[in-house]
Amino acid sequence: MSKVLLIDDDIELVGMFQEYLEQEGFSVRTANDGDSGAREALSGQYAIAVLDVMMPRMNGLETLRRIRAASHLPVLMLTARGDDTDRIVGLELGADDYVAKPCTPRELTARIRAILRRTQNTGNENNASVQPLSVGQLTMWPEQRRATWAGNALELTSTEFNLLEVLARNAGKQVSKSTLSEQGLGRPMARFDRNIDVHLSSLRHKLGTIADGRSCLQTVYRMGYQLIKE
């Protein structure tokens, strides 16, 4: 059973989400402020945290910053509809994805499942899938959610790992943003969605360069991205 942490000061909304998630088979715990939410998120008990941006005292972005300072726990942000600034800042701070409020419990549950589907080891991997995935100086162990560059560990968020794995499995080929969204985020790409661009910008800073000094992660104009094969 996946354990979900809901961090939101809207008690009525949290209650509705909790009831629906529990009906869908999740174990749910709630926190109604950022400080207690961050402490609970760092307890190591949860598969994912759902975090509202707009909270009094310590807001969701500061809460996310505190979580990311010590953990790679998947975090799904709840943002006000149309507030692109909070969304982009949240992604830059390491959020895995966001849902615009108001949203239905069904939509929230689907987004949680999409994130967990890519982060949890189901134990059904075959022998081929447990072999490391190597492209140049990049090596990934998908079943362990672990990656290195030139032998040094990469500190990746859950979504960054997902996207990098998609690119690595298609190394040397251009991968469209829609494919990255579907395979890396587990959902179709929405119109004007900058999610992929923000995550890939973060990845570019974390990955090394190839022999000629260029980033190994290249933008393909109007198409998507490509991980260069050395």
C-alpha atoms as a PDB file:
ATOM      1  CA  MET A   1       0.000   0.000   0.000  1.00  0.00           C
ATOM      2  CA  SER A   2       1.441   3.380  -1.036  1.00  0.00           C
ATOM      3  CA  LYS A   3       1.468   5.974   1.722  1.00  0.00           C
ATOM      4  CA  VAL A   4       0.569   9.527   0.680  1.00  0.00           C
ATOM      5  CA  LEU A   5       1.193  12.708   2.666  1.00  0.00           C
ATOM      6  CA  LEU A   6      -1.226  15.597   1.981  1.00  0.00           C
ATOM      7  CA  ILE A   7       0.099  19.028   3.066  1.00  0.00           C
ATOM      8  CA  ASP A   8      -2.577  21.733   2.753  1.00  0.00           C
ATOM      9  CA  ASP A   9      -4.235  24.152   5.159  1.00  0.00           C
ATOM     10  CA  ASP A  10      -7.646  23.709   3.488  1.00  0.00           C
ATOM     11  CA  ILE A  11      -9.017  21.111   5.910  1.00  0.00           C
ATOM     12  CA  GLU A  12     -12.233  20.495   3.969  1.00  0.00           C
ATOM     13  CA  LEU A  13     -10.368  19.932   0.696  1.00  0.00           C
ATOM     14  CA  VAL A  14      -7.792  17.693   2.368  1.00  0.00           C
ATOM     15  CA  GLY A  15     -10.588  15.622   3.896  1.00  0.00           C
ATOM     16  CA  MET A  16     -12.187  15.126   0.494  1.00  0.00           C
ATOM     17  CA  PHE A  17      -8.889  14.102  -1.105  1.00  0.00           C
ATOM     18  CA  GLN A  18      -8.065  11.785   1.792  1.00  0.00           C
ATOM     19  CA  GLU A  19     -11.409  10.008   1.611  1.00  0.00           C
ATOM     20  CA  TYR A  20     -11.106   9.437  -2.126  1.00  0.00           C
ATOM     21  CA  LEU A  21      -7.486   8.265  -1.988  1.00  0.00           C
ATOM     22  CA  GLU A  22      -8.267   5.815   0.807  1.00  0.00           C
ATOM     23  CA  GLN A  23     -11.148   4.418  -1.240  1.00  0.00           C
ATOM     24  CA  GLU A  24      -8.619   3.921  -4.047  1.00  0.00           C
ATOM     25  CA  GLY A  25      -6.367   1.858  -1.794  1.00  0.00           C
ATOM     26  CA  PHE A  26      -3.862   4.451  -0.571  1.00  0.00           C
ATOM     27  CA  SER A  27      -2.830   5.021   3.022  1.00  0.00           C
ATOM     28  CA  VAL A  28      -3.069   8.760   3.730  1.00  0.00           C
ATOM     29  CA  ARG A  29      -1.801  11.105   6.408  1.00  0.00           C
ATOM     30  CA  THR A  30      -2.310  14.861   6.469  1.00  0.00           C
ATOM     31  CA  ALA A  31      -0.516  17.980   7.684  1.00  0.00           C
ATOM     32  CA  ASN A  32      -2.083  21.429   7.709  1.00  0.00           C
ATOM     33  CA  ASP A  33       0.997  23.658   7.704  1.00  0.00           C
ATOM     34  CA  GLY A  34       4.372  23.692   6.005  1.00  0.00           C
ATOM     35  CA  ASP A  35       6.528  23.223   9.073  1.00  0.00           C
ATOM     36  CA  SER A  36       4.841  20.038  10.290  1.00  0.00           C
ATOM     37  CA  GLY A  37       4.432  18.885   6.687  1.00  0.00           C
ATOM     38  CA  ALA A  38       8.173  19.138   6.017  1.00  0.00           C
ATOM     39  CA  ARG A  39       9.009  17.244   9.196  1.00  0.00           C
ATOM     40  CA  GLU A  40       6.521  14.509   8.320  1.00  0.00           C
ATOM     41  CA  ALA A  41       7.769  14.281   4.725  1.00  0.00           C
ATOM     42  CA  LEU A  42      11.326  13.742   5.973  1.00  0.00           C
ATOM     43  CA  SER A  43      10.280  10.885   8.271  1.00  0.00           C
ATOM     44  CA  GLY A  44      10.877   8.334   5.516  1.00  0.00           C
ATOM     45  CA  GLN A  45       7.367   6.844   5.795  1.00  0.00           C
ATOM     46  CA  TYR A  46       5.881   8.112   2.532  1.00  0.00           C
ATOM     47  CA  ALA A  47       5.917   7.208  -1.159  1.00  0.00           C
ATOM     48  CA  ILE A  48       4.876  10.719  -2.209  1.00  0.00           C
ATOM     49  CA  ALA A  49       3.865  14.118  -0.795  1.00  0.00           C
ATOM     50  CA  VAL A  50       1.152  16.356  -2.226  1.00  0.00           C
ATOM     51  CA  LEU A  51       1.964  19.953  -1.322  1.00  0.00           C
ATOM     52  CA  ASP A  52      -0.144  23.106  -1.672  1.00  0.00           C
ATOM     53  CA  VAL A  53       1.714  26.294  -2.622  1.00  0.00           C
ATOM     54  CA  MET A  54      -0.576  28.727  -0.806  1.00  0.00           C
ATOM     55  CA  MET A  55      -0.254  28.195   2.940  1.00  0.00           C
ATOM     56  CA  PRO A  56       0.179  30.709   5.784  1.00  0.00           C
ATOM     57  CA  ARG A  57       3.464  31.172   7.645  1.00  0.00           C
ATOM     58  CA  MET A  58       5.703  28.773   5.686  1.00  0.00           C
ATOM     59  CA  ASN A  59       4.337  28.473   2.152  1.00  0.00           C
ATOM     60  CA  GLY A  60       4.570  25.466  -0.121  1.00  0.00           C
ATOM     61  CA  LEU A  61       7.669  26.633  -1.982  1.00  0.00           C
ATOM     62  CA  GLU A  62       9.638  27.067   1.240  1.00  0.00           C
ATOM     63  CA  THR A  63       8.321  23.714   2.437  1.00  0.00           C
ATOM     64  CA  LEU A  64       9.493  22.114  -0.807  1.00  0.00           C
ATOM     65  CA  ARG A  65      12.906  23.752  -0.408  1.00  0.00           C
ATOM     66  CA  ARG A  66      13.216  22.237   3.062  1.00  0.00           C
ATOM     67  CA  ILE A  67      12.192  18.783   1.819  1.00  0.00           C
ATOM     68  CA  ARG A  68      14.581  18.895  -1.144  1.00  0.00           C
ATOM     69  CA  ALA A  69      17.487  19.876   1.089  1.00  0.00           C
ATOM     70  CA  ALA A  70      17.383  16.405   2.625  1.00  0.00           C
ATOM     71  CA  SER A  71      15.223  14.101   0.474  1.00  0.00           C
ATOM     72  CA  HIS A  72      14.308  13.032  -3.067  1.00  0.00           C
ATOM     73  CA  LEU A  73      10.783  12.072  -2.027  1.00  0.00           C
ATOM     74  CA  PRO A  74       8.441  12.616  -5.013  1.00  0.00           C
ATOM     75  CA  VAL A  75       6.466  15.830  -4.529  1.00  0.00           C
ATOM     76  CA  LEU A  76       3.330  16.822  -6.438  1.00  0.00           C
ATOM     77  CA  MET A  77       2.516  20.525  -6.127  1.00  0.00           C
ATOM     78  CA  LEU A  78      -0.989  22.017  -5.968  1.00  0.00           C
ATOM     79  CA  THR A  79      -0.930  25.459  -7.615  1.00  0.00           C
ATOM     80  CA  ALA A  80      -3.495  28.127  -8.391  1.00  0.00           C
ATOM     81  CA  ARG A  81      -4.844  27.821 -11.918  1.00  0.00           C
ATOM     82  CA  GLY A  82      -2.997  30.192 -14.237  1.00  0.00           C
ATOM     83  CA  ASP A  83      -0.193  30.950 -11.769  1.00  0.00           C
ATOM     84  CA  ASP A  84       2.752  30.042 -14.000  1.00  0.00           C
ATOM     85  CA  THR A  85       5.309  31.659 -11.715  1.00  0.00           C
ATOM     86  CA  ASP A  86       4.620  29.327  -8.787  1.00  0.00           C
ATOM     87  CA  ARG A  87       4.620  26.331 -11.112  1.00  0.00           C
ATOM     88  CA  ILE A  88       7.977  27.150 -12.672  1.00  0.00           C
ATOM     89  CA  VAL A  89       9.593  28.024  -9.350  1.00  0.00           C
ATOM     90  CA  GLY A  90       8.244  24.808  -7.853  1.00  0.00           C
ATOM     91  CA  LEU A  91       9.692  22.751 -10.707  1.00  0.00           C
ATOM     92  CA  GLU A  92      13.021  24.535 -10.409  1.00  0.00           C
ATOM     93  CA  LEU A  93      13.089  23.726  -6.697  1.00  0.00           C
ATOM     94  CA  GLY A  94      12.604  20.038  -7.485  1.00  0.00           C
ATOM     95  CA  ALA A  95       8.854  19.356  -7.618  1.00  0.00           C
ATOM     96  CA  ASP A  96       8.045  16.325  -9.761  1.00  0.00           C
ATOM     97  CA  ASP A  97       4.843  17.685 -11.250  1.00  0.00           C
ATOM     98  CA  TYR A  98       1.931  19.975 -10.462  1.00  0.00           C
ATOM     99  CA  VAL A  99      -1.853  20.003 -10.550  1.00  0.00           C
ATOM    100  CA  ALA A 100      -3.791  23.233 -10.920  1.00  0.00           C
ATOM    101  CA  LYS A 101      -6.527  23.916  -8.351  1.00  0.00           C
ATOM    102  CA  PRO A 102      -9.405  23.471  -8.352  1.00  0.00           C
ATOM    103  CA  CYS A 103      -8.931  19.845  -9.319  1.00  0.00           C
ATOM    104  CA  THR A 104     -11.005  16.729  -8.795  1.00  0.00           C
ATOM    105  CA  PRO A 105      -9.923  13.900  -6.480  1.00  0.00           C
ATOM    106  CA  ARG A 106      -9.899  11.648  -9.533  1.00  0.00           C
ATOM    107  CA  GLU A 107      -7.452  13.903 -11.380  1.00  0.00           C
ATOM    108  CA  LEU A 108      -5.198  14.146  -8.326  1.00  0.00           C
ATOM    109  CA  THR A 109      -5.234  10.369  -7.869  1.00  0.00           C
ATOM    110  CA  ALA A 110      -4.366   9.788 -11.528  1.00  0.00           C
ATOM    111  CA  ARG A 111      -1.403  12.154 -11.277  1.00  0.00           C
ATOM    112  CA  ILE A 112      -0.175  10.472  -8.079  1.00  0.00           C
ATOM    113  CA  ARG A 113      -0.392   7.059  -9.745  1.00  0.00           C
ATOM    114  CA  ALA A 114       1.514   8.325 -12.780  1.00  0.00           C
ATOM    115  CA  ILE A 115       4.406   9.472 -10.593  1.00  0.00           C
ATOM    116  CA  LEU A 116       4.443   6.339  -8.442  1.00  0.00           C
ATOM    117  CA  ARG A 117       4.257   4.062 -11.469  1.00  0.00           C
ATOM    118  CA  ARG A 118       7.669   5.324 -12.555  1.00  0.00           C
ATOM    119  CA  THR A 119       9.280   5.440  -9.125  1.00  0.00           C
ATOM    120  CA  GLN A 120       8.303   2.215  -7.434  1.00  0.00           C
ATOM    121  CA  ASN A 121      10.047  -1.077  -8.031  1.00  0.00           C
ATOM    122  CA  THR A 122       7.294  -3.615  -8.704  1.00  0.00           C
ATOM    123  CA  GLY A 123       9.669  -6.566  -8.446  1.00  0.00           C
ATOM    124  CA  ASN A 124       8.692  -7.790 -11.914  1.00  0.00           C
ATOM    125  CA  GLU A 125      11.884  -6.778 -13.738  1.00  0.00           C
ATOM    126  CA  ASN A 126      13.431  -9.443 -15.933  1.00  0.00           C
ATOM    127  CA  ASN A 127      17.152 -10.110 -16.085  1.00  0.00           C
ATOM    128  CA  ALA A 128      17.661  -7.717 -18.987  1.00  0.00           C
ATOM    129  CA  SER A 129      16.065  -4.810 -17.168  1.00  0.00           C
ATOM    130  CA  VAL A 130      18.374  -5.038 -14.165  1.00  0.00           C
ATOM    131  CA  GLN A 131      21.469  -4.501 -16.311  1.00  0.00           C
ATOM    132  CA  PRO A 132      22.927  -0.989 -16.186  1.00  0.00           C
ATOM    133  CA  LEU A 133      21.992   1.403 -18.967  1.00  0.00           C
ATOM    134  CA  SER A 134      25.132   3.154 -20.233  1.00  0.00           C
ATOM    135  CA  VAL A 135      25.554   6.052 -22.651  1.00  0.00           C
ATOM    136  CA  GLY A 136      29.057   7.527 -22.742  1.00  0.00           C
ATOM    137  CA  GLN A 137      29.930   8.566 -19.196  1.00  0.00           C
ATOM    138  CA  LEU A 138      26.322   8.181 -18.033  1.00  0.00           C
ATOM    139  CA  THR A 139      25.346   4.947 -16.294  1.00  0.00           C
ATOM    140  CA  MET A 140      21.854   4.289 -14.936  1.00  0.00           C
ATOM    141  CA  TRP A 141      20.419   1.448 -12.857  1.00  0.00           C
ATOM    142  CA  PRO A 142      16.657   1.920 -13.404  1.00  0.00           C
ATOM    143  CA  GLU A 143      15.566  -0.728 -10.907  1.00  0.00           C
ATOM    144  CA  GLN A 144      17.659   0.973  -8.195  1.00  0.00           C
ATOM    145  CA  ARG A 145      16.752   4.523  -9.268  1.00  0.00           C
ATOM    146  CA  ARG A 146      20.484   5.295  -9.328  1.00  0.00           C
ATOM    147  CA  ALA A 147      22.649   7.101 -11.865  1.00  0.00           C
ATOM    148  CA  THR A 148      26.288   8.207 -12.189  1.00  0.00           C
ATOM    149  CA  TRP A 149      28.290  10.450 -14.508  1.00  0.00           C
ATOM    150  CA  ALA A 150      31.953   9.484 -14.911  1.00  0.00           C
ATOM    151  CA  GLY A 151      31.569   7.368 -11.785  1.00  0.00           C
ATOM    152  CA  ASN A 152      30.165  10.197  -9.649  1.00  0.00           C
ATOM    153  CA  ALA A 153      26.645   9.880  -8.247  1.00  0.00           C
ATOM    154  CA  LEU A 154      23.981  12.120  -9.794  1.00  0.00           C
ATOM    155  CA  GLU A 155      21.510  13.695  -7.385  1.00  0.00           C
ATOM    156  CA  LEU A 156      18.295  13.516  -9.407  1.00  0.00           C
ATOM    157  CA  THR A 157      14.682  14.072  -8.515  1.00  0.00           C
ATOM    158  CA  SER A 158      12.241  11.308  -9.373  1.00  0.00           C
ATOM    159  CA  THR A 159      11.025  13.065 -12.514  1.00  0.00           C
ATOM    160  CA  GLU A 160      14.534  13.999 -13.635  1.00  0.00           C
ATOM    161  CA  PHE A 161      15.480  10.326 -13.387  1.00  0.00           C
ATOM    162  CA  ASN A 162      12.424   9.307 -15.412  1.00  0.00           C
ATOM    163  CA  LEU A 163      13.140  11.798 -18.187  1.00  0.00           C
ATOM    164  CA  LEU A 164      16.832  10.956 -18.308  1.00  0.00           C
ATOM    165  CA  GLU A 165      16.014   7.262 -18.581  1.00  0.00           C
ATOM    166  CA  VAL A 166      13.738   7.908 -21.575  1.00  0.00           C
ATOM    167  CA  LEU A 167      16.489   9.934 -23.256  1.00  0.00           C
ATOM    168  CA  ALA A 168      19.154   7.332 -22.456  1.00  0.00           C
ATOM    169  CA  ARG A 169      17.065   4.527 -23.954  1.00  0.00           C
ATOM    170  CA  ASN A 170      16.797   6.659 -27.111  1.00  0.00           C
ATOM    171  CA  ALA A 171      20.365   7.992 -27.076  1.00  0.00           C
ATOM    172  CA  GLY A 172      21.403   9.528 -30.382  1.00  0.00           C
ATOM    173  CA  LYS A 173      17.780  10.080 -31.413  1.00  0.00           C
ATOM    174  CA  GLN A 174      15.571  13.105 -30.966  1.00  0.00           C
ATOM    175  CA  VAL A 175      12.766  12.578 -28.468  1.00  0.00           C
ATOM    176  CA  SER A 176       9.708  14.816 -28.673  1.00  0.00           C
ATOM    177  CA  LYS A 177       8.367  16.700 -25.670  1.00  0.00           C
ATOM    178  CA  SER A 178       5.090  14.816 -25.970  1.00  0.00           C
ATOM    179  CA  THR A 179       6.925  11.482 -25.754  1.00  0.00           C
ATOM    180  CA  LEU A 180       8.940  12.709 -22.774  1.00  0.00           C
ATOM    181  CA  SER A 181       5.761  13.827 -21.040  1.00  0.00           C
ATOM    182  CA  GLU A 182       3.922  10.560 -21.691  1.00  0.00           C
ATOM    183  CA  GLN A 183       6.823   8.262 -20.794  1.00  0.00           C
ATOM    184  CA  GLY A 184       8.582  10.396 -18.176  1.00  0.00           C
ATOM    185  CA  LEU A 185       5.650  12.082 -16.433  1.00  0.00           C
ATOM    186  CA  GLY A 186       3.011   9.465 -17.212  1.00  0.00           C
ATOM    187  CA  ARG A 187       0.590  11.944 -18.743  1.00  0.00           C
ATOM    188  CA  PRO A 188      -0.071  13.713 -22.066  1.00  0.00           C
ATOM    189  CA  MET A 189       1.602  17.064 -22.481  1.00  0.00           C
ATOM    190  CA  ALA A 190      -0.737  19.999 -21.950  1.00  0.00           C
ATOM    191  CA  ARG A 191      -0.747  23.071 -24.178  1.00  0.00           C
ATOM    192  CA  PHE A 192       1.825  25.694 -23.111  1.00  0.00           C
ATOM    193  CA  ASP A 193       3.214  23.226 -20.557  1.00  0.00           C
ATOM    194  CA  ARG A 194       6.809  24.200 -19.657  1.00  0.00           C
ATOM    195  CA  ASN A 195       7.268  21.278 -17.297  1.00  0.00           C
ATOM    196  CA  ILE A 196       9.610  19.343 -19.577  1.00  0.00           C
ATOM    197  CA  ASP A 197      11.753  22.392 -20.392  1.00  0.00           C
ATOM    198  CA  VAL A 198      12.308  23.234 -16.725  1.00  0.00           C
ATOM    199  CA  HIS A 199      13.239  19.658 -15.800  1.00  0.00           C
ATOM    200  CA  LEU A 200      15.588  19.321 -18.776  1.00  0.00           C
ATOM    201  CA  SER A 201      17.271  22.636 -17.925  1.00  0.00           C
ATOM    202  CA  SER A 202      17.968  21.285 -14.449  1.00  0.00           C
ATOM    203  CA  LEU A 203      19.280  18.018 -15.902  1.00  0.00           C
ATOM    204  CA  ARG A 204      21.611  19.883 -18.260  1.00  0.00           C
ATOM    205  CA  HIS A 205      23.287  21.537 -15.262  1.00  0.00           C
ATOM    206  CA  LYS A 206      23.700  18.218 -13.469  1.00  0.00           C
ATOM    207  CA  LEU A 207      25.136  16.237 -16.382  1.00  0.00           C
ATOM    208  CA  GLY A 208      28.671  16.580 -17.687  1.00  0.00           C
ATOM    209  CA  THR A 209      29.934  17.581 -21.124  1.00  0.00           C
ATOM    210  CA  ILE A 210      31.140  15.464 -24.019  1.00  0.00           C
ATOM    211  CA  ALA A 211      34.650  15.555 -25.520  1.00  0.00           C
ATOM    212  CA  ASP A 212      34.102  18.758 -27.533  1.00  0.00           C
ATOM    213  CA  GLY A 213      32.836  20.639 -24.474  1.00  0.00           C
ATOM    214  CA  ARG A 214      29.165  20.649 -25.429  1.00  0.00           C
ATOM    215  CA  SER A 215      26.417  19.542 -23.077  1.00  0.00           C
ATOM    216  CA  CYS A 216      25.478  15.909 -23.657  1.00  0.00           C
ATOM    217  CA  LEU A 217      21.839  17.016 -23.582  1.00  0.00           C
ATOM    218  CA  GLN A 218      20.895  19.008 -26.659  1.00  0.00           C
ATOM    219  CA  THR A 219      17.715  20.836 -27.634  1.00  0.00           C
ATOM    220  CA  VAL A 220      16.362  19.867 -31.068  1.00  0.00           C
ATOM    221  CA  TYR A 221      14.668  23.011 -32.375  1.00  0.00           C
ATOM    222  CA  ARG A 222      10.875  22.672 -32.421  1.00  0.00           C
ATOM    223  CA  MET A 223      11.183  18.931 -31.890  1.00  0.00           C
ATOM    224  CA  GLY A 224      12.378  18.036 -28.404  1.00  0.00           C
ATOM    225  CA  TYR A 225      15.637  16.832 -26.886  1.00  0.00           C
ATOM    226  CA  GLN A 226      18.446  14.429 -27.614  1.00  0.00           C
ATOM    227  CA  LEU A 227      21.044  12.731 -25.428  1.00  0.00           C
ATOM    228  CA  ILE A 228      24.230  12.670 -27.506  1.00  0.00           C
ATOM    229  CA  LYS A 229      25.972   9.353 -27.989  1.00  0.00           C
ATOM    230  CA  GLU A 230      29.727   9.739 -27.662  1.00  0.00           C
END
